[in-house]
Amino acid sequence: MSALALLSALLLGALDYHAAGWALFGLGALAWLKLDAKQLLKSDRYGLSPALALLAYTALAGANANIAVTFALALHALVVFLILLSRHLSYDRAQGFSQQKTLSARF
């Protein structure tokens, strides 16, 4: 839900429909905070919203973008990316060790 609203806000900002874009940005941000933040560690698709929020904000605000808000959104997107990356790396490492155990069990 939030990714779709934020993507629509990004597209509306690129097409100079800023009022409708800000409305969808607000809707997407609320959905992101209420629904997607709880699901972050359960699925990778929820990691898309922070990056889309950053892109949509810069497209809608343009030259009037607040540097603190832009930095906060970028930092949050980076933290979410690192959380998802570390989860994948730990999962891949665990899979590698579990496969070694099954190979040694065969011999």
Protein backbone atom coordinates (compact mmCIF):
# COMPACT_ATOMS: atom_id res chain seq x y z
CA MET A 1 0.00 0.00 0.00
CA SER A 2 2.63 2.54 1.02
CA ALA A 3 4.99 1.72 -1.83
CA LEU A 4 2.22 2.20 -4.36
CA ALA A 5 1.16 5.55 -2.83
CA LEU A 6 4.76 6.78 -2.65
CA LEU A 7 5.45 5.68 -6.22
CA SER A 8 2.33 7.51 -7.36
CA ALA A 9 3.48 10.60 -5.44
CA LEU A 10 6.84 10.38 -7.18
CA LEU A 11 5.20 10.19 -10.59
CA LEU A 12 2.81 13.05 -9.83
CA GLY A 13 5.73 15.16 -8.64
CA ALA A 14 7.61 14.46 -11.84
CA LEU A 15 4.52 15.48 -13.84
CA ASP A 16 4.12 18.75 -11.83
CA TYR A 17 0.92 17.73 -10.04
CA HIS A 18 2.31 18.73 -6.67
CA ALA A 19 -0.94 19.05 -4.68
CA ALA A 20 -2.08 15.53 -5.54
CA GLY A 21 1.48 14.28 -5.09
CA TRP A 22 1.72 15.70 -1.57
CA ALA A 23 -1.63 14.10 -0.69
CA LEU A 24 -0.43 10.70 -1.85
CA PHE A 25 2.92 11.26 -0.15
CA GLY A 26 1.11 11.86 3.15
CA LEU A 27 -1.08 8.81 2.63
CA GLY A 28 1.94 6.69 1.77
CA ALA A 29 3.92 7.96 4.76
CA LEU A 30 1.05 7.16 7.14
CA ALA A 31 0.64 3.68 5.69
CA TRP A 32 4.38 3.17 5.86
CA LEU A 33 4.52 4.17 9.53
CA LYS A 34 1.44 2.23 10.62
CA LEU A 35 1.65 -0.94 8.57
CA ASP A 36 4.98 -1.49 6.88
CA ALA A 37 7.29 -0.64 9.78
CA LYS A 38 5.90 -3.62 11.72
CA GLN A 39 6.55 -5.94 8.78
CA LEU A 40 10.09 -4.75 7.96
CA LEU A 41 11.92 -7.79 9.22
CA LYS A 42 9.43 -10.27 7.79
CA SER A 43 9.64 -9.48 4.08
CA ASP A 44 11.97 -7.66 1.70
CA ARG A 45 9.24 -5.80 -0.14
CA TYR A 46 8.75 -3.47 2.81
CA GLY A 47 12.28 -2.12 2.33
CA LEU A 48 11.18 -0.32 -0.83
CA SER A 49 9.09 2.33 0.94
CA PRO A 50 11.97 4.29 2.54
CA ALA A 51 13.74 4.65 -0.81
CA LEU A 52 10.52 5.68 -2.54
CA ALA A 53 9.80 8.20 0.23
CA LEU A 54 13.19 9.81 -0.37
CA LEU A 55 12.67 9.97 -4.12
CA ALA A 56 9.09 11.23 -3.83
CA TYR A 57 10.05 13.94 -1.33
CA THR A 58 12.82 15.30 -3.52
CA ALA A 59 10.58 15.19 -6.61
CA LEU A 60 7.75 17.02 -4.85
CA ALA A 61 9.80 19.57 -2.91
CA GLY A 62 12.26 20.29 -5.70
CA ALA A 63 14.51 23.24 -4.90
CA ASN A 64 12.59 23.88 -1.66
CA ALA A 65 13.57 20.52 -0.17
CA ASN A 66 14.71 20.77 3.43
CA ILE A 67 18.22 19.36 3.80
CA ALA A 68 17.44 17.90 7.24
CA VAL A 69 14.37 16.03 5.97
CA THR A 70 16.25 14.79 2.92
CA PHE A 71 19.15 13.62 5.08
CA ALA A 72 16.80 11.88 7.54
CA LEU A 73 14.99 10.05 4.75
CA ALA A 74 18.28 9.04 3.13
CA LEU A 75 19.70 7.84 6.45
CA HIS A 76 16.57 5.83 7.19
CA ALA A 77 16.64 4.25 3.73
CA LEU A 78 20.31 3.33 4.28
CA VAL A 79 19.59 1.79 7.69
CA VAL A 80 16.71 -0.28 6.29
CA PHE A 81 18.93 -1.42 3.41
CA LEU A 82 21.67 -2.46 5.84
CA ILE A 83 19.18 -4.35 8.03
CA LEU A 84 17.87 -6.27 5.03
CA LEU A 85 21.38 -6.89 3.71
CA SER A 86 22.63 -8.21 7.05
CA ARG A 87 19.60 -10.47 7.31
CA HIS A 88 20.32 -11.92 3.87
CA LEU A 89 24.00 -12.38 4.61
CA SER A 90 23.29 -14.17 7.89
CA TYR A 91 20.67 -16.36 6.15
CA ASP A 92 23.12 -17.23 3.35
CA ARG A 93 25.82 -18.02 5.89
CA ALA A 94 23.44 -20.24 7.86
CA GLN A 95 22.43 -22.04 4.67
CA GLY A 96 26.08 -22.62 3.80
CA PHE A 97 26.78 -24.20 7.17
CA SER A 98 23.64 -26.32 7.10
CA GLN A 99 24.60 -27.69 3.69
CA GLN A 100 28.05 -28.60 4.97
CA LYS A 101 26.49 -30.58 7.80
CA THR A 102 24.34 -32.56 5.41
CA LEU A 103 27.32 -33.27 3.16
CA SER A 104 29.46 -34.47 6.05
CA ALA A 105 26.58 -36.60 7.33
CA ARG A 106 26.54 -38.46 4.01
CA PHE A 107 30.20 -39.41 4.29
